[in-house]
């Protein structure tokens, strides 16, 4: 993914989070204002907008945050499998090295009879 594409998506994500938070603050401030003015019908109307904040937050999570998290989890699993594969290769090479070392040690030991 090009770097500019990621930066653009990050900017959109930050903007969406800011808009959701701003909406929640405006709803809270409006509710408080009309509550103290004893305008209960407006308070109920404004509080009816609260579910939209939850729906927008859930939509943000479902469409933006969760897919990135899922891809990160998949990449982490793939790296873990590659790491296990590299550890197996390392172990195999170490066993081969020990075999070569044992053969070399046996061939060069003083007790070895050489025919010539």
N, C-alpha and C. Protein backbone atom coordinates (compact mmCIF):
# COMPACT_ATOMS: atom_id res chain seq x y z
N UNK A 1 0.85 -1.18 0.00
CA UNK A 1 0.00 0.00 0.00
C UNK A 1 0.89 1.23 0.00
N UNK A 2 0.64 2.17 -0.88
CA UNK A 2 1.44 3.39 -0.90
C UNK A 2 1.27 4.17 0.40
N UNK A 3 2.33 4.85 0.74
CA UNK A 3 2.34 5.61 2.00
C UNK A 3 1.26 6.67 2.02
N UNK A 4 1.01 7.34 0.90
CA UNK A 4 -0.01 8.37 0.84
C UNK A 4 -1.40 7.82 1.11
N UNK A 5 -1.68 6.59 0.63
CA UNK A 5 -2.98 5.96 0.87
C UNK A 5 -3.21 5.71 2.34
N UNK A 6 -2.18 5.25 3.03
CA UNK A 6 -2.32 5.00 4.46
C UNK A 6 -2.54 6.30 5.22
N UNK A 7 -1.79 7.33 4.84
CA UNK A 7 -1.94 8.63 5.51
C UNK A 7 -3.34 9.19 5.29
N UNK A 8 -3.87 9.00 4.09
CA UNK A 8 -5.22 9.48 3.80
C UNK A 8 -6.25 8.74 4.66
N UNK A 9 -6.12 7.41 4.76
CA UNK A 9 -7.06 6.63 5.56
C UNK A 9 -6.94 6.98 7.03
N UNK A 10 -5.72 7.24 7.48
CA UNK A 10 -5.54 7.62 8.88
C UNK A 10 -6.20 8.96 9.15
N UNK A 11 -6.09 9.89 8.21
CA UNK A 11 -6.73 11.19 8.36
C UNK A 11 -8.25 11.07 8.39
N UNK A 12 -8.80 10.21 7.54
CA UNK A 12 -10.25 10.00 7.52
C UNK A 12 -10.70 9.37 8.83
N UNK A 13 -9.93 8.42 9.34
CA UNK A 13 -10.27 7.78 10.62
C UNK A 13 -10.28 8.80 11.76
N UNK A 14 -9.28 9.64 11.80
CA UNK A 14 -9.20 10.67 12.85
C UNK A 14 -10.37 11.64 12.71
N UNK A 15 -10.71 12.01 11.49
CA UNK A 15 -11.83 12.92 11.26
C UNK A 15 -13.15 12.29 11.71
N UNK A 16 -13.35 11.02 11.40
CA UNK A 16 -14.59 10.34 11.81
C UNK A 16 -14.69 10.25 13.33
N UNK A 17 -13.59 9.92 14.00
CA UNK A 17 -13.60 9.85 15.47
C UNK A 17 -13.90 11.23 16.05
N UNK A 18 -13.27 12.26 15.49
CA UNK A 18 -13.50 13.62 15.99
C UNK A 18 -14.96 14.03 15.81
N UNK A 19 -15.55 13.68 14.67
CA UNK A 19 -16.96 14.03 14.43
C UNK A 19 -17.90 13.30 15.39
N UNK A 20 -17.60 12.05 15.67
CA UNK A 20 -18.43 11.30 16.62
C UNK A 20 -18.32 11.92 18.01
N UNK A 21 -17.11 12.24 18.43
CA UNK A 21 -16.93 12.86 19.75
C UNK A 21 -17.58 14.24 19.81
N UNK A 22 -17.43 15.02 18.75
CA UNK A 22 -18.03 16.34 18.70
C UNK A 22 -19.56 16.24 18.78
N UNK A 23 -20.13 15.30 18.06
CA UNK A 23 -21.58 15.09 18.10
C UNK A 23 -22.04 14.72 19.50
N UNK A 24 -21.30 13.84 20.17
CA UNK A 24 -21.66 13.44 21.53
C UNK A 24 -21.59 14.63 22.48
N UNK A 25 -20.57 15.46 22.33
CA UNK A 25 -20.43 16.64 23.21
C UNK A 25 -21.57 17.63 22.94
N UNK A 26 -21.90 17.85 21.69
CA UNK A 26 -22.99 18.77 21.34
C UNK A 26 -24.32 18.26 21.90
N UNK A 27 -24.57 16.96 21.77
CA UNK A 27 -25.81 16.39 22.32
C UNK A 27 -25.86 16.59 23.83
N UNK A 28 -24.73 16.33 24.50
CA UNK A 28 -24.69 16.51 25.95
C UNK A 28 -24.88 17.96 26.36
N UNK A 29 -24.23 18.87 25.66
CA UNK A 29 -24.36 20.29 26.00
C UNK A 29 -25.78 20.80 25.73
N UNK A 30 -26.35 20.38 24.62
CA UNK A 30 -27.71 20.80 24.29
C UNK A 30 -28.71 20.25 25.31
N UNK A 31 -28.52 18.99 25.69
CA UNK A 31 -29.40 18.40 26.70
C UNK A 31 -29.30 19.15 28.01
N UNK A 32 -28.09 19.47 28.44
CA UNK A 32 -27.91 20.22 29.68
C UNK A 32 -28.53 21.60 29.61
N UNK A 33 -28.38 22.27 28.48
CA UNK A 33 -28.93 23.62 28.31
C UNK A 33 -30.46 23.60 28.43
N UNK A 34 -31.08 22.69 27.68
CA UNK A 34 -32.54 22.64 27.70
C UNK A 34 -33.08 22.04 29.00
N UNK A 35 -32.29 21.23 29.67
CA UNK A 35 -32.70 20.67 30.96
C UNK A 35 -32.85 21.80 31.99
N UNK A 36 -31.88 22.70 32.00
CA UNK A 36 -31.94 23.80 32.97
C UNK A 36 -32.96 24.87 32.58
N UNK A 37 -33.41 24.86 31.35
CA UNK A 37 -34.46 25.80 30.93
C UNK A 37 -35.84 25.16 31.07
N UNK A 38 -35.91 23.94 31.64
CA UNK A 38 -37.14 23.19 31.85
C UNK A 38 -37.94 22.98 30.57
N UNK A 39 -37.22 22.68 29.51
CA UNK A 39 -37.86 22.38 28.23
C UNK A 39 -37.72 20.88 27.99
N UNK A 40 -38.58 20.12 28.66
CA UNK A 40 -38.45 18.66 28.66
C UNK A 40 -38.68 18.04 27.30
N UNK A 41 -39.52 18.60 26.50
CA UNK A 41 -39.77 18.02 25.17
C UNK A 41 -38.51 18.10 24.31
N UNK A 42 -37.77 19.20 24.42
CA UNK A 42 -36.52 19.33 23.66
C UNK A 42 -35.45 18.41 24.22
N UNK A 43 -35.42 18.24 25.54
CA UNK A 43 -34.44 17.33 26.17
C UNK A 43 -34.67 15.92 25.66
N UNK A 44 -35.91 15.49 25.62
CA UNK A 44 -36.22 14.14 25.13
C UNK A 44 -35.86 14.01 23.66
N UNK A 45 -36.14 15.04 22.89
CA UNK A 45 -35.81 15.02 21.46
C UNK A 45 -34.29 14.91 21.25
N UNK A 46 -33.55 15.69 22.01
CA UNK A 46 -32.09 15.67 21.86
C UNK A 46 -31.54 14.33 22.34
N UNK A 47 -32.06 13.80 23.44
CA UNK A 47 -31.61 12.51 23.94
C UNK A 47 -31.95 11.37 22.98
N UNK A 48 -32.95 11.58 22.14
CA UNK A 48 -33.29 10.58 21.12
C UNK A 48 -32.18 10.46 20.08
N UNK A 49 -31.29 11.45 20.00
CA UNK A 49 -30.16 11.40 19.06
C UNK A 49 -28.99 10.57 19.57
N UNK A 50 -29.00 10.24 20.86
CA UNK A 50 -27.88 9.48 21.45
C UNK A 50 -27.65 8.15 20.75
N UNK A 51 -28.68 7.38 20.41
CA UNK A 51 -28.41 6.11 19.71
C UNK A 51 -27.63 6.28 18.40
N UNK A 52 -27.79 7.42 17.75
CA UNK A 52 -27.04 7.65 16.52
C UNK A 52 -25.53 7.73 16.77
N UNK A 53 -25.14 8.23 17.94
CA UNK A 53 -23.72 8.25 18.30
C UNK A 53 -23.21 6.82 18.45
N UNK A 54 -23.99 5.98 19.12
CA UNK A 54 -23.60 4.58 19.27
C UNK A 54 -23.55 3.86 17.93
N UNK A 55 -24.53 4.13 17.08
CA UNK A 55 -24.53 3.50 15.76
C UNK A 55 -23.34 3.96 14.91
N UNK A 56 -23.02 5.24 14.97
CA UNK A 56 -21.87 5.75 14.22
C UNK A 56 -20.57 5.15 14.76
N UNK A 57 -20.48 5.01 16.07
CA UNK A 57 -19.28 4.41 16.67
C UNK A 57 -19.14 2.95 16.27
N UNK A 58 -20.24 2.21 16.31
CA UNK A 58 -20.21 0.81 15.91
C UNK A 58 -19.85 0.67 14.44
N UNK A 59 -20.40 1.53 13.60
CA UNK A 59 -20.09 1.51 12.18
C UNK A 59 -18.61 1.79 11.93
N UNK A 60 -18.08 2.75 12.66
CA UNK A 60 -16.66 3.06 12.55
C UNK A 60 -15.81 1.86 12.94
N UNK A 61 -16.19 1.22 14.02
CA UNK A 61 -15.45 0.04 14.47
C UNK A 61 -15.55 -1.09 13.44
N UNK A 62 -16.75 -1.37 12.99
CA UNK A 62 -16.98 -2.52 12.11
C UNK A 62 -16.33 -2.33 10.74
N UNK A 63 -16.40 -1.13 10.20
CA UNK A 63 -15.90 -0.91 8.84
C UNK A 63 -14.44 -0.49 8.78
N UNK A 64 -13.92 0.10 9.83
CA UNK A 64 -12.57 0.65 9.75
C UNK A 64 -11.60 -0.01 10.72
N UNK A 65 -11.94 -0.01 11.99
CA UNK A 65 -11.00 -0.46 13.01
C UNK A 65 -10.84 -1.98 12.99
N UNK A 66 -11.96 -2.72 12.98
CA UNK A 66 -11.88 -4.17 13.04
C UNK A 66 -11.12 -4.78 11.86
N UNK A 67 -11.37 -4.34 10.60
CA UNK A 67 -10.58 -4.93 9.50
C UNK A 67 -9.07 -4.70 9.65
N UNK A 68 -8.66 -3.51 10.11
CA UNK A 68 -7.23 -3.28 10.32
C UNK A 68 -6.70 -4.19 11.41
N UNK A 69 -7.46 -4.34 12.48
CA UNK A 69 -7.05 -5.22 13.58
C UNK A 69 -6.94 -6.66 13.09
N UNK A 70 -7.91 -7.10 12.28
CA UNK A 70 -7.90 -8.47 11.77
C UNK A 70 -6.68 -8.70 10.88
N UNK A 71 -6.37 -7.72 10.01
CA UNK A 71 -5.19 -7.86 9.15
C UNK A 71 -3.91 -7.89 9.97
N UNK A 72 -3.86 -7.09 11.02
CA UNK A 72 -2.70 -7.09 11.89
C UNK A 72 -2.55 -8.43 12.60
N UNK A 73 -3.66 -9.01 13.04
CA UNK A 73 -3.63 -10.31 13.68
C UNK A 73 -3.16 -11.38 12.71
N UNK A 74 -3.65 -11.34 11.47
CA UNK A 74 -3.24 -12.32 10.46
C UNK A 74 -1.75 -12.19 10.14
N UNK A 75 -1.27 -10.96 10.02
CA UNK A 75 0.16 -10.75 9.75
C UNK A 75 1.01 -11.25 10.91
N UNK A 76 0.53 -11.05 12.13
CA UNK A 76 1.27 -11.52 13.30
C UNK A 76 1.34 -13.05 13.30
N UNK A 77 0.25 -13.71 12.96
CA UNK A 77 0.25 -15.17 12.89
C UNK A 77 1.20 -15.65 11.81
N UNK A 78 1.19 -14.98 10.66
CA UNK A 78 2.10 -15.36 9.58
C UNK A 78 3.56 -15.20 9.99
N UNK A 79 3.87 -14.10 10.68
CA UNK A 79 5.24 -13.91 11.17
C UNK A 79 5.62 -14.97 12.18
N UNK A 80 4.69 -15.34 13.04
CA UNK A 80 4.96 -16.39 14.03
C UNK A 80 5.27 -17.71 13.34
N UNK A 81 4.50 -18.05 12.29
CA UNK A 81 4.76 -19.29 11.56
C UNK A 81 6.10 -19.25 10.85
N UNK A 82 6.45 -18.11 10.27
CA UNK A 82 7.76 -17.97 9.62
C UNK A 82 8.89 -18.11 10.64
N UNK A 83 8.67 -17.56 11.83
CA UNK A 83 9.68 -17.66 12.88
C UNK A 83 9.88 -19.12 13.29
N UNK A 84 8.78 -19.86 13.44
CA UNK A 84 8.88 -21.28 13.77
C UNK A 84 9.61 -22.04 12.67
N UNK A 85 9.33 -21.69 11.41
CA UNK A 85 10.00 -22.34 10.29
C UNK A 85 11.51 -22.05 10.33
N UNK A 86 11.87 -20.81 10.63
CA UNK A 86 13.30 -20.48 10.72
C UNK A 86 13.97 -21.20 11.88
N UNK A 87 13.26 -21.35 12.99
CA UNK A 87 13.83 -22.10 14.12
C UNK A 87 14.05 -23.57 13.74
N UNK A 88 13.13 -24.16 12.98
CA UNK A 88 13.31 -25.54 12.53
C UNK A 88 14.51 -25.66 11.60
N UNK A 89 14.67 -24.70 10.69
CA UNK A 89 15.83 -24.72 9.78
C UNK A 89 17.12 -24.58 10.58
N UNK A 90 17.12 -23.71 11.58
CA UNK A 90 18.30 -23.52 12.42
C UNK A 90 18.65 -24.82 13.15
N UNK A 91 17.64 -25.48 13.69
CA UNK A 91 17.88 -26.74 14.39
C UNK A 91 18.45 -27.80 13.43
N UNK A 92 17.90 -27.89 12.22
CA UNK A 92 18.41 -28.85 11.23
C UNK A 92 19.86 -28.56 10.87
N UNK A 93 20.17 -27.29 10.67
CA UNK A 93 21.56 -26.93 10.34
C UNK A 93 22.50 -27.22 11.49
N UNK A 94 22.04 -27.00 12.71
CA UNK A 94 22.88 -27.29 13.87
C UNK A 94 23.15 -28.79 13.99
N UNK A 95 22.15 -29.62 13.73
CA UNK A 95 22.34 -31.08 13.78
C UNK A 95 23.32 -31.51 12.69
N UNK A 96 23.21 -30.93 11.50
CA UNK A 96 24.16 -31.26 10.42
C UNK A 96 25.57 -30.81 10.80
N UNK A 97 25.68 -29.62 11.39
CA UNK A 97 26.98 -29.14 11.83
C UNK A 97 27.59 -30.10 12.86
N UNK A 98 26.78 -30.57 13.80
CA UNK A 98 27.30 -31.51 14.80
C UNK A 98 27.76 -32.80 14.14
N UNK A 99 27.04 -33.26 13.13
CA UNK A 99 27.45 -34.47 12.41
C UNK A 99 28.78 -34.26 11.71
N UNK A 100 28.95 -33.13 11.04
CA UNK A 100 30.22 -32.83 10.37
C UNK A 100 31.34 -32.70 11.40
N UNK A 101 31.04 -32.07 12.52
CA UNK A 101 32.03 -31.90 13.58
C UNK A 101 32.46 -33.27 14.12
N UNK A 102 31.49 -34.16 14.36
CA UNK A 102 31.83 -35.50 14.88
C UNK A 102 32.67 -36.29 13.89
N UNK A 103 32.34 -36.21 12.60
CA UNK A 103 33.12 -36.91 11.57
C UNK A 103 34.53 -36.33 11.51
N UNK A 104 34.65 -35.02 11.55
CA UNK A 104 35.96 -34.37 11.51
C UNK A 104 36.78 -34.72 12.74
N UNK A 105 36.14 -34.72 13.90
CA UNK A 105 36.85 -35.06 15.14
C UNK A 105 37.34 -36.50 15.10
N UNK A 106 36.48 -37.41 14.62
CA UNK A 106 36.87 -38.84 14.54
C UNK A 106 38.00 -39.03 13.53
N UNK A 107 37.98 -38.31 12.44
CA UNK A 107 39.00 -38.47 11.41
C UNK A 107 40.34 -37.89 11.87
N UNK A 108 40.33 -36.90 12.71
CA UNK A 108 41.57 -36.25 13.13
C UNK A 108 42.02 -36.63 14.52
N UNK A 109 41.33 -37.54 15.17
CA UNK A 109 41.71 -37.92 16.53
C UNK A 109 43.01 -38.75 16.48
N UNK A 110 43.83 -38.68 17.53
CA UNK A 110 45.10 -39.40 17.54
C UNK A 110 44.92 -40.92 17.53
N UNK A 111 43.79 -41.41 17.99
CA UNK A 111 43.57 -42.85 18.02
C UNK A 111 43.15 -43.42 16.69
N UNK A 112 42.96 -42.60 15.74
CA UNK A 112 42.49 -43.06 14.43
C UNK A 112 43.68 -43.65 13.66
N UNK A 113 43.53 -44.86 13.17
CA UNK A 113 44.63 -45.49 12.41
C UNK A 113 44.47 -45.11 10.94
N UNK A 114 45.57 -44.62 10.42
CA UNK A 114 45.54 -44.21 9.01
C UNK A 114 46.39 -45.19 8.21
N UNK A 115 45.83 -45.54 7.13
CA UNK A 115 46.60 -46.39 6.24
C UNK A 115 47.12 -45.56 5.11
N UNK A 116 48.28 -45.77 4.72
CA UNK A 116 48.81 -44.88 3.74
C UNK A 116 49.69 -45.49 2.83
